[in-house]
Amino acid sequence: MSVKEVIRTSGDVRRTLAQTMVDIRDGELSVDKGMAIAALAKEITASIQTEVNVAKVKATMLNEGRNMGNLTHLGKLVIEDAGTVPTLTGIDG
């Protein structure tokens, strides 16, 4: 991967994974590195699913008249620390 894309949302993660598949296909990234990225993606997906489940509970509670705060916008889940700009290298920019 030559582009150091900033990853801020779950949509950015999906796009990066799709680019990883293209890079493997084109021989720009080894299969071993691709497998490592896939393993990490599985963990990220589990984390995102947890947040989706929380959003569902919040929606249910809201329907019952109990406000638990703002709902997370799906596909816009922020995955960065406040005040940092993480990149694919893991170096804050």
PDB file of N, CA and C in Angstrom:
ATOM      1  N   MET A   1       0.844  -1.171   0.000  1.00  0.00           N
ATOM      2  CA  MET A   1       0.000   0.000   0.000  1.00  0.00           C
ATOM      3  C   MET A   1       0.890   1.236   0.000  1.00  0.00           C
ATOM      4  N   SER A   2       0.763   2.031  -0.988  1.00  0.00           N
ATOM      5  CA  SER A   2       1.606   3.209  -1.071  1.00  0.00           C
ATOM      6  C   SER A   2       0.959   4.435  -0.439  1.00  0.00           C
ATOM      7  N   VAL A   3      -0.357   4.511  -0.407  1.00  0.00           N
ATOM      8  CA  VAL A   3      -1.054   5.664   0.137  1.00  0.00           C
ATOM      9  C   VAL A   3      -1.207   5.486   1.647  1.00  0.00           C
ATOM     10  N   LYS A   4      -0.878   6.499   2.408  1.00  0.00           N
ATOM     11  CA  LYS A   4      -1.029   6.477   3.862  1.00  0.00           C
ATOM     12  C   LYS A   4      -2.347   7.149   4.211  1.00  0.00           C
ATOM     13  N   GLU A   5      -3.425   6.415   4.032  1.00  0.00           N
ATOM     14  CA  GLU A   5      -4.767   6.947   4.224  1.00  0.00           C
ATOM     15  C   GLU A   5      -5.096   7.083   5.710  1.00  0.00           C
ATOM     16  N   VAL A   6      -5.756   8.174   6.060  1.00  0.00           N
ATOM     17  CA  VAL A   6      -6.247   8.367   7.412  1.00  0.00           C
ATOM     18  C   VAL A   6      -7.490   7.506   7.569  1.00  0.00           C
ATOM     19  N   ILE A   7      -7.540   6.735   8.659  1.00  0.00           N
ATOM     20  CA  ILE A   7      -8.688   5.868   8.925  1.00  0.00           C
ATOM     21  C   ILE A   7      -9.443   6.448  10.105  1.00  0.00           C
ATOM     22  N   ARG A   8     -10.649   6.955   9.837  1.00  0.00           N
ATOM     23  CA  ARG A   8     -11.442   7.593  10.890  1.00  0.00           C
ATOM     24  C   ARG A   8     -12.757   6.879  11.153  1.00  0.00           C
ATOM     25  N   THR A   9     -13.300   6.167  10.177  1.00  0.00           N
ATOM     26  CA  THR A   9     -14.621   5.562  10.328  1.00  0.00           C
ATOM     27  C   THR A   9     -14.594   4.095   9.918  1.00  0.00           C
ATOM     28  N   SER A  10     -15.665   3.391  10.253  1.00  0.00           N
ATOM     29  CA  SER A  10     -15.770   1.993   9.841  1.00  0.00           C
ATOM     30  C   SER A  10     -15.818   1.887   8.320  1.00  0.00           C
ATOM     31  N   GLY A  11     -16.350   2.886   7.655  1.00  0.00           N
ATOM     32  CA  GLY A  11     -16.342   2.909   6.188  1.00  0.00           C
ATOM     33  C   GLY A  11     -14.919   2.997   5.644  1.00  0.00           C
ATOM     34  N   ASP A  12     -14.058   3.762   6.331  1.00  0.00           N
ATOM     35  CA  ASP A  12     -12.646   3.842   5.942  1.00  0.00           C
ATOM     36  C   ASP A  12     -11.966   2.480   6.092  1.00  0.00           C
ATOM     37  N   VAL A  13     -12.332   1.752   7.144  1.00  0.00           N
ATOM     38  CA  VAL A  13     -11.765   0.414   7.349  1.00  0.00           C
ATOM     39  C   VAL A  13     -12.150  -0.490   6.189  1.00  0.00           C
ATOM     40  N   ARG A  14     -13.426  -0.480   5.802  1.00  0.00           N
ATOM     41  CA  ARG A  14     -13.876  -1.324   4.677  1.00  0.00           C
ATOM     42  C   ARG A  14     -13.141  -0.972   3.400  1.00  0.00           C
ATOM     43  N   ARG A  15     -12.980   0.293   3.129  1.00  0.00           N
ATOM     44  CA  ARG A  15     -12.300   0.732   1.905  1.00  0.00           C
ATOM     45  C   ARG A  15     -10.835   0.296   1.925  1.00  0.00           C
ATOM     46  N   THR A  16     -10.198   0.405   3.083  1.00  0.00           N
ATOM     47  CA  THR A  16      -8.811  -0.016   3.212  1.00  0.00           C
ATOM     48  C   THR A  16      -8.670  -1.520   3.001  1.00  0.00           C
ATOM     49  N   LEU A  17      -9.596  -2.295   3.540  1.00  0.00           N
ATOM     50  CA  LEU A  17      -9.556  -3.749   3.342  1.00  0.00           C
ATOM     51  C   LEU A  17      -9.770  -4.106   1.875  1.00  0.00           C
ATOM     52  N   ALA A  18     -10.660  -3.402   1.215  1.00  0.00           N
ATOM     53  CA  ALA A  18     -10.870  -3.651  -0.216  1.00  0.00           C
ATOM     54  C   ALA A  18      -9.597  -3.330  -0.999  1.00  0.00           C
ATOM     55  N   GLN A  19      -8.914  -2.257  -0.638  1.00  0.00           N
ATOM     56  CA  GLN A  19      -7.664  -1.908  -1.307  1.00  0.00           C
ATOM     57  C   GLN A  19      -6.594  -2.956  -1.025  1.00  0.00           C
ATOM     58  N   THR A  20      -6.602  -3.515   0.173  1.00  0.00           N
ATOM     59  CA  THR A  20      -5.665  -4.587   0.514  1.00  0.00           C
ATOM     60  C   THR A  20      -5.866  -5.783  -0.405  1.00  0.00           C
ATOM     61  N   MET A  21      -7.119  -6.140  -0.667  1.00  0.00           N
ATOM     62  CA  MET A  21      -7.400  -7.260  -1.586  1.00  0.00           C
ATOM     63  C   MET A  21      -6.861  -6.977  -2.982  1.00  0.00           C
ATOM     64  N   VAL A  22      -7.034  -5.753  -3.436  1.00  0.00           N
ATOM     65  CA  VAL A  22      -6.524  -5.368  -4.752  1.00  0.00           C
ATOM     66  C   VAL A  22      -5.000  -5.443  -4.762  1.00  0.00           C
ATOM     67  N   ASP A  23      -4.365  -4.963  -3.688  1.00  0.00           N
ATOM     68  CA  ASP A  23      -2.902  -4.983  -3.604  1.00  0.00           C
ATOM     69  C   ASP A  23      -2.357  -6.409  -3.620  1.00  0.00           C
ATOM     70  N   ILE A  24      -3.041  -7.336  -2.954  1.00  0.00           N
ATOM     71  CA  ILE A  24      -2.616  -8.742  -2.984  1.00  0.00           C
ATOM     72  C   ILE A  24      -2.768  -9.299  -4.394  1.00  0.00           C
ATOM     73  N   ARG A  25      -3.908  -9.020  -5.001  1.00  0.00           N
ATOM     74  CA  ARG A  25      -4.153  -9.498  -6.361  1.00  0.00           C
ATOM     75  C   ARG A  25      -3.104  -8.989  -7.334  1.00  0.00           C
ATOM     76  N   ASP A  26      -2.704  -7.736  -7.161  1.00  0.00           N
ATOM     77  CA  ASP A  26      -1.743  -7.119  -8.073  1.00  0.00           C
ATOM     78  C   ASP A  26      -0.289  -7.421  -7.701  1.00  0.00           C
ATOM     79  N   GLY A  27      -0.073  -8.193  -6.640  1.00  0.00           N
ATOM     80  CA  GLY A  27       1.275  -8.553  -6.228  1.00  0.00           C
ATOM     81  C   GLY A  27       2.017  -7.460  -5.495  1.00  0.00           C
ATOM     82  N   GLU A  28       1.326  -6.408  -5.067  1.00  0.00           N
ATOM     83  CA  GLU A  28       1.966  -5.307  -4.341  1.00  0.00           C
ATOM     84  C   GLU A  28       2.054  -5.568  -2.836  1.00  0.00           C
ATOM     85  N   LEU A  29       1.359  -6.619  -2.368  1.00  0.00           N
ATOM     86  CA  LEU A  29       1.357  -6.965  -0.958  1.00  0.00           C
ATOM     87  C   LEU A  29       1.390  -8.480  -0.863  1.00  0.00           C
ATOM     88  N   SER A  30       2.196  -9.009   0.058  1.00  0.00           N
ATOM     89  CA  SER A  30       2.304 -10.464   0.189  1.00  0.00           C
ATOM     90  C   SER A  30       1.028 -11.045   0.787  1.00  0.00           C
ATOM     91  N   VAL A  31       0.803 -12.298   0.481  1.00  0.00           N
ATOM     92  CA  VAL A  31      -0.353 -13.003   1.034  1.00  0.00           C
ATOM     93  C   VAL A  31      -0.243 -13.070   2.553  1.00  0.00           C
ATOM     94  N   ASP A  32       0.970 -13.278   3.078  1.00  0.00           N
ATOM     95  CA  ASP A  32       1.158 -13.333   4.533  1.00  0.00           C
ATOM     96  C   ASP A  32       0.729 -12.031   5.206  1.00  0.00           C
ATOM     97  N   LYS A  33       1.125 -10.910   4.629  1.00  0.00           N
ATOM     98  CA  LYS A  33       0.710  -9.623   5.188  1.00  0.00           C
ATOM     99  C   LYS A  33      -0.794  -9.443   5.051  1.00  0.00           C
ATOM    100  N   GLY A  34      -1.337  -9.887   3.937  1.00  0.00           N
ATOM    101  CA  GLY A  34      -2.784  -9.816   3.732  1.00  0.00           C
ATOM    102  C   GLY A  34      -3.537 -10.635   4.771  1.00  0.00           C
ATOM    103  N   MET A  35      -3.006 -11.814   5.121  1.00  0.00           N
ATOM    104  CA  MET A  35      -3.631 -12.661   6.143  1.00  0.00           C
ATOM    105  C   MET A  35      -3.575 -11.987   7.515  1.00  0.00           C
ATOM    106  N   ALA A  36      -2.466 -11.320   7.802  1.00  0.00           N
ATOM    107  CA  ALA A  36      -2.346 -10.593   9.069  1.00  0.00           C
ATOM    108  C   ALA A  36      -3.370  -9.457   9.127  1.00  0.00           C
ATOM    109  N   ILE A  37      -3.514  -8.759   8.020  1.00  0.00           N
ATOM    110  CA  ILE A  37      -4.497  -7.671   7.952  1.00  0.00           C
ATOM    111  C   ILE A  37      -5.907  -8.230   8.118  1.00  0.00           C
ATOM    112  N   ALA A  38      -6.177  -9.384   7.510  1.00  0.00           N
ATOM    113  CA  ALA A  38      -7.497 -10.012   7.631  1.00  0.00           C
ATOM    114  C   ALA A  38      -7.797 -10.388   9.083  1.00  0.00           C
ATOM    115  N   ALA A  39      -6.789 -10.886   9.794  1.00  0.00           N
ATOM    116  CA  ALA A  39      -6.981 -11.244  11.201  1.00  0.00           C
ATOM    117  C   ALA A  39      -7.309 -10.003  12.035  1.00  0.00           C
ATOM    118  N   LEU A  40      -6.600  -8.917  11.759  1.00  0.00           N
ATOM    119  CA  LEU A  40      -6.889  -7.663  12.465  1.00  0.00           C
ATOM    120  C   LEU A  40      -8.273  -7.141  12.110  1.00  0.00           C
ATOM    121  N   ALA A  41      -8.644  -7.277  10.856  1.00  0.00           N
ATOM    122  CA  ALA A  41      -9.959  -6.823  10.409  1.00  0.00           C
ATOM    123  C   ALA A  41     -11.077  -7.572  11.129  1.00  0.00           C
ATOM    124  N   LYS A  42     -10.849  -8.856  11.387  1.00  0.00           N
ATOM    125  CA  LYS A  42     -11.849  -9.646  12.113  1.00  0.00           C
ATOM    126  C   LYS A  42     -12.077  -9.066  13.510  1.00  0.00           C
ATOM    127  N   GLU A  43     -10.998  -8.661  14.166  1.00  0.00           N
ATOM    128  CA  GLU A  43     -11.113  -8.067  15.500  1.00  0.00           C
ATOM    129  C   GLU A  43     -11.811  -6.711  15.446  1.00  0.00           C
ATOM    130  N   ILE A  44     -11.484  -5.920  14.447  1.00  0.00           N
ATOM    131  CA  ILE A  44     -12.131  -4.617  14.282  1.00  0.00           C
ATOM    132  C   ILE A  44     -13.619  -4.804  14.022  1.00  0.00           C
ATOM    133  N   THR A  45     -13.955  -5.781  13.188  1.00  0.00           N
ATOM    134  CA  THR A  45     -15.352  -6.063  12.877  1.00  0.00           C
ATOM    135  C   THR A  45     -16.126  -6.443  14.133  1.00  0.00           C
ATOM    136  N   ALA A  46     -15.529  -7.261  14.985  1.00  0.00           N
ATOM    137  CA  ALA A  46     -16.182  -7.638  16.243  1.00  0.00           C
ATOM    138  C   ALA A  46     -16.427  -6.412  17.114  1.00  0.00           C
ATOM    139  N   SER A  47     -15.472  -5.505  17.148  1.00  0.00           N
ATOM    140  CA  SER A  47     -15.617  -4.285  17.926  1.00  0.00           C
ATOM    141  C   SER A  47     -16.735  -3.402  17.368  1.00  0.00           C
ATOM    142  N   ILE A  48     -16.762  -3.270  16.059  1.00  0.00           N
ATOM    143  CA  ILE A  48     -17.811  -2.464  15.420  1.00  0.00           C
ATOM    144  C   ILE A  48     -19.181  -3.098  15.666  1.00  0.00           C
ATOM    145  N   GLN A  49     -19.267  -4.439  15.602  1.00  0.00           N
ATOM    146  CA  GLN A  49     -20.538  -5.121  15.856  1.00  0.00           C
ATOM    147  C   GLN A  49     -21.023  -4.841  17.271  1.00  0.00           C
ATOM    148  N   THR A  50     -20.108  -4.782  18.212  1.00  0.00           N
ATOM    149  CA  THR A  50     -20.480  -4.458  19.587  1.00  0.00           C
ATOM    150  C   THR A  50     -21.110  -3.070  19.653  1.00  0.00           C
ATOM    151  N   GLU A  51     -20.528  -2.125  18.945  1.00  0.00           N
ATOM    152  CA  GLU A  51     -21.090  -0.772  18.947  1.00  0.00           C
ATOM    153  C   GLU A  51     -22.458  -0.733  18.270  1.00  0.00           C
ATOM    154  N   VAL A  52     -22.631  -1.537  17.221  1.00  0.00           N
ATOM    155  CA  VAL A  52     -23.939  -1.627  16.564  1.00  0.00           C
ATOM    156  C   VAL A  52     -24.965  -2.187  17.542  1.00  0.00           C
ATOM    157  N   ASN A  53     -24.565  -3.197  18.290  1.00  0.00           N
ATOM    158  CA  ASN A  53     -25.478  -3.782  19.277  1.00  0.00           C
ATOM    159  C   ASN A  53     -25.869  -2.765  20.338  1.00  0.00           C
ATOM    160  N   VAL A  54     -24.928  -1.938  20.762  1.00  0.00           N
ATOM    161  CA  VAL A  54     -25.228  -0.881  21.727  1.00  0.00           C
ATOM    162  C   VAL A  54     -26.227   0.112  21.119  1.00  0.00           C
ATOM    163  N   ALA A  55     -26.030   0.460  19.862  1.00  0.00           N
ATOM    164  CA  ALA A  55     -26.953   1.380  19.193  1.00  0.00           C
ATOM    165  C   ALA A  55     -28.368   0.791  19.140  1.00  0.00           C
ATOM    166  N   LYS A  56     -28.471  -0.517  18.913  1.00  0.00           N
ATOM    167  CA  LYS A  56     -29.781  -1.181  18.885  1.00  0.00           C
ATOM    168  C   LYS A  56     -30.451  -1.119  20.255  1.00  0.00           C
ATOM    169  N   VAL A  57     -29.663  -1.333  21.305  1.00  0.00           N
ATOM    170  CA  VAL A  57     -30.213  -1.256  22.652  1.00  0.00           C
ATOM    171  C   VAL A  57     -30.671   0.165  22.942  1.00  0.00           C
ATOM    172  N   LYS A  58     -29.874   1.147  22.551  1.00  0.00           N
ATOM    173  CA  LYS A  58     -30.260   2.545  22.755  1.00  0.00           C
ATOM    174  C   LYS A  58     -31.568   2.856  22.029  1.00  0.00           C
ATOM    175  N   ALA A  59     -31.721   2.352  20.802  1.00  0.00           N
ATOM    176  CA  ALA A  59     -32.946   2.588  20.032  1.00  0.00           C
ATOM    177  C   ALA A  59     -34.141   1.944  20.725  1.00  0.00           C
ATOM    178  N   THR A  60     -33.965   0.743  21.228  1.00  0.00           N
ATOM    179  CA  THR A  60     -35.044   0.054  21.944  1.00  0.00           C
ATOM    180  C   THR A  60     -35.433   0.824  23.192  1.00  0.00           C
ATOM    181  N   MET A  61     -34.428   1.264  23.939  1.00  0.00           N
ATOM    182  CA  MET A  61     -34.707   2.027  25.155  1.00  0.00           C
ATOM    183  C   MET A  61     -35.415   3.339  24.831  1.00  0.00           C
ATOM    184  N   LEU A  62     -34.998   3.994  23.753  1.00  0.00           N
ATOM    185  CA  LEU A  62     -35.630   5.246  23.347  1.00  0.00           C
ATOM    186  C   LEU A  62     -37.093   5.018  22.988  1.00  0.00           C
ATOM    187  N   ASN A  63     -37.372   3.911  22.298  1.00  0.00           N
ATOM    188  CA  ASN A  63     -38.755   3.568  21.948  1.00  0.00           C
ATOM    189  C   ASN A  63     -39.602   3.328  23.184  1.00  0.00           C
ATOM    190  N   GLU A  64     -38.966   2.916  24.277  1.00  0.00           N
ATOM    191  CA  GLU A  64     -39.681   2.676  25.526  1.00  0.00           C
ATOM    192  C   GLU A  64     -39.721   3.922  26.404  1.00  0.00           C
ATOM    193  N   GLY A  65     -39.238   5.038  25.869  1.00  0.00           N
ATOM    194  CA  GLY A  65     -39.285   6.287  26.611  1.00  0.00           C
ATOM    195  C   GLY A  65     -38.108   6.527  27.526  1.00  0.00           C
ATOM    196  N   ARG A  66     -37.045   5.786  27.339  1.00  0.00           N
ATOM    197  CA  ARG A  66     -35.851   5.956  28.171  1.00  0.00           C
ATOM    198  C   ARG A  66     -34.705   6.401  27.287  1.00  0.00           C
ATOM    199  N   ASN A  67     -34.285   7.634  27.445  1.00  0.00           N
ATOM    200  CA  ASN A  67     -33.214   8.190  26.628  1.00  0.00           C
ATOM    201  C   ASN A  67     -31.861   7.829  27.230  1.00  0.00           C
ATOM    202  N   MET A  68     -30.998   7.178  26.433  1.00  0.00           N
ATOM    203  CA  MET A  68     -29.668   6.796  26.901  1.00  0.00           C
ATOM    204  C   MET A  68     -28.576   7.588  26.190  1.00  0.00           C
ATOM    205  N   GLY A  69     -28.938   8.659  25.515  1.00  0.00           N
ATOM    206  CA  GLY A  69     -27.938   9.459  24.812  1.00  0.00           C
ATOM    207  C   GLY A  69     -28.103   9.362  23.311  1.00  0.00           C
ATOM    208  N   ASN A  70     -27.180   9.975  22.585  1.00  0.00           N
ATOM    209  CA  ASN A  70     -27.253   9.998  21.126  1.00  0.00           C
ATOM    210  C   ASN A  70     -26.873   8.649  20.520  1.00  0.00           C
ATOM    211  N   LEU A  71     -27.531   8.301  19.428  1.00  0.00           N
ATOM    212  CA  LEU A  71     -27.191   7.077  18.709  1.00  0.00           C
ATOM    213  C   LEU A  71     -25.931   7.287  17.886  1.00  0.00           C
ATOM    214  N   THR A  72     -25.127   6.249  17.773  1.00  0.00           N
ATOM    215  CA  THR A  72     -23.943   6.283  16.918  1.00  0.00           C
ATOM    216  C   THR A  72     -24.408   6.148  15.469  1.00  0.00           C
ATOM    217  N   HIS A  73     -23.861   6.961  14.581  1.00  0.00           N
ATOM    218  CA  HIS A  73     -24.199   6.874  13.167  1.00  0.00           C
ATOM    219  C   HIS A  73     -23.428   5.713  12.559  1.00  0.00           C
ATOM    220  N   LEU A  74     -24.148   4.717  12.050  1.00  0.00           N
ATOM    221  CA  LEU A  74     -23.490   3.559  11.468  1.00  0.00           C
ATOM    222  C   LEU A  74     -22.671   3.971  10.254  1.00  0.00           C
ATOM    223  N   GLY A  75     -21.497   3.387  10.099  1.00  0.00           N
ATOM    224  CA  GLY A  75     -20.606   3.742   9.002  1.00  0.00           C
ATOM    225  C   GLY A  75     -19.803   4.995   9.265  1.00  0.00           C
ATOM    226  N   LYS A  76     -20.108   5.663  10.356  1.00  0.00           N
ATOM    227  CA  LYS A  76     -19.390   6.885  10.728  1.00  0.00           C
ATOM    228  C   LYS A  76     -18.792   6.740  12.116  1.00  0.00           C
ATOM    229  N   LEU A  77     -18.685   5.506  12.588  1.00  0.00           N
ATOM    230  CA  LEU A  77     -18.136   5.233  13.895  1.00  0.00           C
ATOM    231  C   LEU A  77     -16.706   5.755  13.975  1.00  0.00           C
ATOM    232  N   VAL A  78     -16.447   6.652  14.916  1.00  0.00           N
ATOM    233  CA  VAL A  78     -15.118   7.237  15.056  1.00  0.00           C
ATOM    234  C   VAL A  78     -14.221   6.232  15.765  1.00  0.00           C
ATOM    235  N   ILE A  79     -13.052   5.963  15.184  1.00  0.00           N
ATOM    236  CA  ILE A  79     -12.143   4.981  15.759  1.00  0.00           C
ATOM    237  C   ILE A  79     -10.791   5.600  16.073  1.00  0.00           C
ATOM    238  N   GLU A  80     -10.748   6.905  16.259  1.00  0.00           N
ATOM    239  CA  GLU A  80      -9.495   7.579  16.574  1.00  0.00           C
ATOM    240  C   GLU A  80      -9.602   8.230  17.943  1.00  0.00           C
ATOM    241  N   ASP A  81      -8.475   8.479  18.560  1.00  0.00           N
ATOM    242  CA  ASP A  81      -8.456   9.209  19.818  1.00  0.00           C
ATOM    243  C   ASP A  81      -8.617  10.692  19.532  1.00  0.00           C
ATOM    244  N   ALA A  82      -9.249  11.396  20.438  1.00  0.00           N
ATOM    245  CA  ALA A  82      -9.420  12.839  20.278  1.00  0.00           C
ATOM    246  C   ALA A  82      -8.080  13.512  20.147  1.00  0.00           C
ATOM    247  N   GLY A  83      -7.946  14.359  19.150  1.00  0.00           N
ATOM    248  CA  GLY A  83      -6.736  15.142  18.976  1.00  0.00           C
ATOM    249  C   GLY A  83      -5.643  14.457  18.180  1.00  0.00           C
ATOM    250  N   THR A  84      -5.894  13.239  17.691  1.00  0.00           N
ATOM    251  CA  THR A  84      -4.870  12.553  16.897  1.00  0.00           C
ATOM    252  C   THR A  84      -5.405  12.273  15.509  1.00  0.00           C
ATOM    253  N   VAL A  85      -4.516  12.044  14.583  1.00  0.00           N
ATOM    254  CA  VAL A  85      -4.876  11.676  13.223  1.00  0.00           C
ATOM    255  C   VAL A  85      -4.105  10.412  12.884  1.00  0.00           C
ATOM    256  N   PRO A  86      -4.681   9.221  13.209  1.00  0.00           N
ATOM    257  CA  PRO A  86      -3.959   7.987  12.949  1.00  0.00           C
ATOM    258  C   PRO A  86      -3.866   7.705  11.453  1.00  0.00           C
ATOM    259  N   THR A  87      -2.777   7.087  11.050  1.00  0.00           N
ATOM    260  CA  THR A  87      -2.590   6.686   9.667  1.00  0.00           C
ATOM    261  C   THR A  87      -2.340   5.191   9.616  1.00  0.00           C
ATOM    262  N   LEU A  88      -2.239   4.644   8.412  1.00  0.00           N
ATOM    263  CA  LEU A  88      -1.984   3.230   8.269  1.00  0.00           C
ATOM    264  C   LEU A  88      -0.653   2.820   8.899  1.00  0.00           C
ATOM    265  N   THR A  89       0.252   3.752   9.057  1.00  0.00           N
ATOM    266  CA  THR A  89       1.546   3.434   9.673  1.00  0.00           C
ATOM    267  C   THR A  89       1.422   3.386  11.186  1.00  0.00           C
ATOM    268  N   GLY A  90       0.308   3.876  11.722  1.00  0.00           N
ATOM    269  CA  GLY A  90       0.127   3.930  13.165  1.00  0.00           C
ATOM    270  C   GLY A  90       0.757   5.154  13.795  1.00  0.00           C
ATOM    271  N   ILE A  91       1.315   6.017  12.976  1.00  0.00           N
ATOM    272  CA  ILE A  91       1.964   7.226  13.473  1.00  0.00           C
ATOM    273  C   ILE A  91       0.958   8.370  13.431  1.00  0.00           C
ATOM    274  N   ASP A  92       0.797   9.049  14.541  1.00  0.00           N
ATOM    275  CA  ASP A  92      -0.117  10.192  14.571  1.00  0.00           C
ATOM    276  C   ASP A  92       0.445  11.301  13.706  1.00  0.00           C
ATOM    277  N   GLY A  93      -0.446  11.924  12.924  1.00  0.00           N
ATOM    278  CA  GLY A  93       0.019  12.989  12.041  1.00  0.00           C
ATOM    279  C   GLY A  93      -0.465  14.331  12.438  1.00  0.00           C
TER     280      GLY A  93
END
